[in-house]
C-alpha atoms as a PDB file:
ATOM      1  CA  MET A   1     104.944  84.505  93.661  1.00  0.00           C
ATOM      2  CA  ASN A   2     106.129  88.240  93.108  1.00  0.00           C
ATOM      3  CA  ILE A   3     104.616  89.618  96.333  1.00  0.00           C
ATOM      4  CA  LYS A   4     106.533  87.127  98.546  1.00  0.00           C
ATOM      5  CA  SER A   5     109.640  87.669  97.134  1.00  0.00           C
ATOM      6  CA  ASN A   6     109.381  91.346  97.322  1.00  0.00           C
ATOM      7  CA  HIS A   7     108.528  91.050 101.131  1.00  0.00           C
ATOM      8  CA  ILE A   8     111.338  88.512 101.587  1.00  0.00           C
ATOM      9  CA  LEU A   9     113.762  90.998 100.073  1.00  0.00           C
ATOM     10  CA  TYR A  10     112.197  93.757 102.083  1.00  0.00           C
ATOM     11  CA  SER A  11     112.544  91.979 105.246  1.00  0.00           C
ATOM     12  CA  ASN A  12     116.113  91.179 104.354  1.00  0.00           C
ATOM     13  CA  ARG A  13     117.043  94.782 104.074  1.00  0.00           C
ATOM     14  CA  PHE A  14     114.876  96.378 106.727  1.00  0.00           C
ATOM     15  CA  ASP A  15     113.483  93.648 109.196  1.00  0.00           C
ATOM     16  CA  SER A  16     111.532  94.898 112.113  1.00  0.00           C
ATOM     17  CA  ASP A  17     110.085  93.134 115.021  1.00  0.00           C
ATOM     18  CA  SER A  18     107.503  95.783 115.522  1.00  0.00           C
ATOM     19  CA  ARG A  19     103.716  95.372 115.619  1.00  0.00           C
ATOM     20  CA  PRO A  20     102.924  97.340 112.477  1.00  0.00           C
ATOM     21  CA  TYR A  21     105.567  95.330 110.621  1.00  0.00           C
ATOM     22  CA  GLY A  22     103.932  91.976 111.939  1.00  0.00           C
ATOM     23  CA  VAL A  23     100.243  93.321 111.170  1.00  0.00           C
ATOM     24  CA  VAL A  24     101.294  94.107 107.560  1.00  0.00           C
ATOM     25  CA  THR A  25     103.073  90.847 107.078  1.00  0.00           C
ATOM     26  CA  GLN A  26     100.005  88.901 108.445  1.00  0.00           C
ATOM     27  CA  LEU A  27      97.737  91.125 105.857  1.00  0.00           C
ATOM     28  CA  LEU A  28     100.169  90.152 103.152  1.00  0.00           C
ATOM     29  CA  MET A  29      99.713  86.496 103.634  1.00  0.00           C
ATOM     30  CA  PHE A  30      95.880  86.719 103.680  1.00  0.00           C
ATOM     31  CA  MET A  31      96.200  88.546 100.250  1.00  0.00           C
ATOM     32  CA  ILE A  32      98.567  85.836  98.898  1.00  0.00           C
ATOM     33  CA  MET A  33      96.080  83.220 100.370  1.00  0.00           C
ATOM     34  CA  LEU A  34      93.027  85.068  98.285  1.00  0.00           C
ATOM     35  CA  THR A  35      95.148  85.485  95.157  1.00  0.00           C
ATOM     36  CA  SER A  36      95.947  81.437  95.467  1.00  0.00           C
ATOM     37  CA  VAL A  37      92.003  80.787  95.801  1.00  0.00           C
ATOM     38  CA  VAL A  38      91.146  82.971  92.763  1.00  0.00           C
ATOM     39  CA  ILE A  39      93.909  81.287  90.730  1.00  0.00           C
ATOM     40  CA  GLY A  40      92.478  78.009  91.531  1.00  0.00           C
ATOM     41  CA  GLN A  41      89.033  78.877  90.065  1.00  0.00           C
ATOM     42  CA  ASP A  42      88.320  80.266  86.445  1.00  0.00           C
ATOM     43  CA  ILE A  43      90.640  83.206  86.263  1.00  0.00           C
ATOM     44  CA  SER A  44      88.769  84.514  83.142  1.00  0.00           C
ATOM     45  CA  GLN A  45      85.918  85.015  85.609  1.00  0.00           C
ATOM     46  CA  ASN A  46      87.438  86.156  88.590  1.00  0.00           C
ATOM     47  CA  TYR A  47      90.577  88.228  87.324  1.00  0.00           C
ATOM     48  CA  VAL A  48      89.306  91.585  88.635  1.00  0.00           C
ATOM     49  CA  LEU A  49      89.470  90.121  92.306  1.00  0.00           C
ATOM     50  CA  PHE A  50      92.874  88.656  91.572  1.00  0.00           C
ATOM     51  CA  ILE A  51      94.378  91.828  90.116  1.00  0.00           C
ATOM     52  CA  LEU A  52      92.805  93.980  93.007  1.00  0.00           C
ATOM     53  CA  ALA A  53      94.188  91.629  95.488  1.00  0.00           C
ATOM     54  CA  TYR A  54      97.401  91.591  93.973  1.00  0.00           C
ATOM     55  CA  GLY A  55      97.550  95.624  93.674  1.00  0.00           C
ATOM     56  CA  VAL A  56      96.540  96.082  97.278  1.00  0.00           C
ATOM     57  CA  SER A  57      99.379  93.601  98.429  1.00  0.00           C
ATOM     58  CA  ARG A  58     102.067  95.527  96.499  1.00  0.00           C
ATOM     59  CA  PHE A  59     100.658  98.675  98.058  1.00  0.00           C
ATOM     60  CA  PHE A  60     101.321  97.347 101.598  1.00  0.00           C
ATOM     61  CA  ILE A  61     104.954  96.542 100.326  1.00  0.00           C
ATOM     62  CA  VAL A  62     105.122 100.122  99.160  1.00  0.00           C
ATOM     63  CA  GLY A  63     103.930 101.409 102.682  1.00  0.00           C
ATOM     64  CA  LEU A  64     106.621  99.484 104.282  1.00  0.00           C
ATOM     65  CA  TYR A  65     109.359 100.739 101.941  1.00  0.00           C
ATOM     66  CA  PHE A  66     107.986 104.525 102.861  1.00  0.00           C
ATOM     67  CA  SER A  67     108.086 103.744 106.339  1.00  0.00           C
ATOM     68  CA  ALA A  68     111.702 102.506 106.126  1.00  0.00           C
ATOM     69  CA  ALA A  69     112.558 105.588 104.414  1.00  0.00           C
ATOM     70  CA  LYS A  70     111.525 107.567 107.546  1.00  0.00           C
ATOM     71  CA  GLN A  71     112.972 104.697 110.142  1.00  0.00           C
ATOM     72  CA  TYR A  72     116.543 104.604 108.309  1.00  0.00           C
ATOM     73  CA  PRO A  73     117.440 108.022 107.091  1.00  0.00           C
ATOM     74  CA  ASP A  74     120.677 106.557 105.756  1.00  0.00           C
ATOM     75  CA  LYS A  75     118.808 104.186 103.592  1.00  0.00           C
ATOM     76  CA  SER A  76     115.987 106.563 102.497  1.00  0.00           C
ATOM     77  CA  GLY A  77     117.300 107.226  99.090  1.00  0.00           C
ATOM     78  CA  PHE A  78     116.878 103.222  98.297  1.00  0.00           C
ATOM     79  CA  ALA A  79     113.681 102.950 100.309  1.00  0.00           C
ATOM     80  CA  LYS A  80     111.885 105.976  98.708  1.00  0.00           C
ATOM     81  CA  SER A  81     112.691 104.970  94.960  1.00  0.00           C
ATOM     82  CA  GLN A  82     111.893 101.258  95.632  1.00  0.00           C
ATOM     83  CA  GLY A  83     108.598 102.404  97.099  1.00  0.00           C
ATOM     84  CA  LEU A  84     107.809 104.589  94.149  1.00  0.00           C
ATOM     85  CA  ILE A  85     108.759 102.145  91.802  1.00  0.00           C
ATOM     86  CA  PHE A  86     106.472  99.437  93.402  1.00  0.00           C
ATOM     87  CA  ALA A  87     103.644 102.061  93.634  1.00  0.00           C
ATOM     88  CA  VAL A  88     103.676 102.907  89.770  1.00  0.00           C
ATOM     89  CA  GLY A  89     104.002  99.391  88.753  1.00  0.00           C
ATOM     90  CA  ALA A  90     101.050  98.486  91.458  1.00  0.00           C
ATOM     91  CA  ALA A  91      98.866 101.074  89.667  1.00  0.00           C
ATOM     92  CA  ILE A  92      99.590 100.067  86.166  1.00  0.00           C
ATOM     93  CA  SER A  93      98.765  96.442  87.188  1.00  0.00           C
ATOM     94  CA  MET A  94      95.549  97.523  88.978  1.00  0.00           C
ATOM     95  CA  SER A  95      94.407  99.380  86.162  1.00  0.00           C
ATOM     96  CA  ALA A  96      93.810  96.305  84.288  1.00  0.00           C
ATOM     97  CA  ALA A  97      90.855  95.582  86.292  1.00  0.00           C
ATOM     98  CA  ALA A  98      89.158  98.053  84.056  1.00  0.00           C
ATOM     99  CA  PHE A  99      89.485  96.154  80.986  1.00  0.00           C
ATOM    100  CA  ASP A 100      88.320  92.972  79.756  1.00  0.00           C
ATOM    101  CA  PHE A 101      90.048  89.658  80.235  1.00  0.00           C
ATOM    102  CA  PRO A 102      92.557  89.398  77.327  1.00  0.00           C
ATOM    103  CA  ALA A 103      93.572  92.896  77.316  1.00  0.00           C
ATOM    104  CA  ALA A 104      93.780  93.034  80.984  1.00  0.00           C
ATOM    105  CA  VAL A 105      96.545  90.288  81.172  1.00  0.00           C
ATOM    106  CA  PHE A 106      98.805  92.324  79.152  1.00  0.00           C
ATOM    107  CA  ILE A 107      98.206  95.459  81.219  1.00  0.00           C
ATOM    108  CA  PHE A 108      98.532  93.607  84.118  1.00  0.00           C
ATOM    109  CA  TYR A 109     101.961  92.067  83.205  1.00  0.00           C
ATOM    110  CA  ALA A 110     103.087  95.307  81.903  1.00  0.00           C
ATOM    111  CA  GLY A 111     102.963  96.880  85.603  1.00  0.00           C
ATOM    112  CA  ILE A 112     105.241  94.029  86.549  1.00  0.00           C
ATOM    113  CA  ILE A 113     107.796  94.515  83.648  1.00  0.00           C
ATOM    114  CA  PHE A 114     107.719  98.104  84.709  1.00  0.00           C
ATOM    115  CA  ASP A 115     108.747  96.810  88.141  1.00  0.00           C
ATOM    116  CA  VAL A 116     111.708  94.868  86.736  1.00  0.00           C
ATOM    117  CA  VAL A 117     113.078  97.285  84.242  1.00  0.00           C
ATOM    118  CA  ALA A 118     112.667 100.375  86.351  1.00  0.00           C
ATOM    119  CA  ARG A 119     114.585  98.908  89.501  1.00  0.00           C
ATOM    120  CA  LYS A 120     117.640  98.461  87.170  1.00  0.00           C
ATOM    121  CA  PHE A 121     117.774 101.953  86.184  1.00  0.00           C
ATOM    122  CA  LEU A 122     116.030 104.123  88.865  1.00  0.00           C
ATOM    123  CA  VAL A 123     117.030 102.621  92.078  1.00  0.00           C
ATOM    124  CA  LYS A 124     119.295 105.080  94.042  1.00  0.00           C
ATOM    125  CA  ASP A 125     121.684 103.980  96.723  1.00  0.00           C
ATOM    126  CA  TYR A 126     121.377 100.416  96.261  1.00  0.00           C
ATOM    127  CA  ILE A 127     121.455  98.305  99.472  1.00  0.00           C
ATOM    128  CA  PRO A 128     122.835  94.478  98.919  1.00  0.00           C
ATOM    129  CA  VAL A 129     120.964  91.663 100.566  1.00  0.00           C
ATOM    130  CA  ASP A 130     122.372  89.637 103.229  1.00  0.00           C
ATOM    131  CA  ARG A 131     122.763  86.445 101.208  1.00  0.00           C
ATOM    132  CA  ASP A 132     122.860  84.152 104.233  1.00  0.00           C
ATOM    133  CA  GLN A 133     119.713  85.459 105.467  1.00  0.00           C
ATOM    134  CA  LEU A 134     118.334  85.592 102.247  1.00  0.00           C
ATOM    135  CA  LEU A 135     118.694  81.664 101.725  1.00  0.00           C
ATOM    136  CA  GLU A 136     117.344  81.010 105.024  1.00  0.00           C
ATOM    137  CA  ARG A 137     114.160  82.833 104.434  1.00  0.00           C
ATOM    138  CA  VAL A 138     113.882  81.435 100.948  1.00  0.00           C
ATOM    139  CA  GLY A 139     114.413  77.836 102.413  1.00  0.00           C
ATOM    140  CA  LEU A 140     111.691  78.471 105.251  1.00  0.00           C
ATOM    141  CA  PHE A 141     109.216  79.756 102.713  1.00  0.00           C
ATOM    142  CA  ALA A 142     109.823  76.537 100.579  1.00  0.00           C
ATOM    143  CA  ILE A 143     109.254  74.364 103.706  1.00  0.00           C
ATOM    144  CA  ILE A 144     106.035  76.218 104.461  1.00  0.00           C
ATOM    145  CA  LEU A 145     104.839  76.128 100.965  1.00  0.00           C
ATOM    146  CA  LEU A 146     105.572  72.394 100.514  1.00  0.00           C
ATOM    147  CA  GLY A 147     104.349  71.350 104.050  1.00  0.00           C
END
């Protein structure tokens, strides 16, 4: 899911053992569970709840990036631009909740497409990921997901 993969990439670059980071991570897990429950039902009836849960999750990640910009001044350019892109993409996706189901799907995905395209052009001072740690995190996620 997009939420978890973005959290993994954030953690790979700015991992912190602080209490606020742990709380936000727990909240993100709850929001992922909520979106999973909604998907399991008739999505055309519950799409507003899904969209709002997704948007709130994205704004948690935005908060993490803006917090990292303050905590790591040398990496603030990347963190701020990444946070701003996620905020705009989340706002576009969340605006889909105001529309009927078929149109809402296109608007929702427009926010995700904005994230993908904007990151290619607007991210400043790119910080590469630690590939070894990233593979470990994705592997752990897969183990947890598959049981």
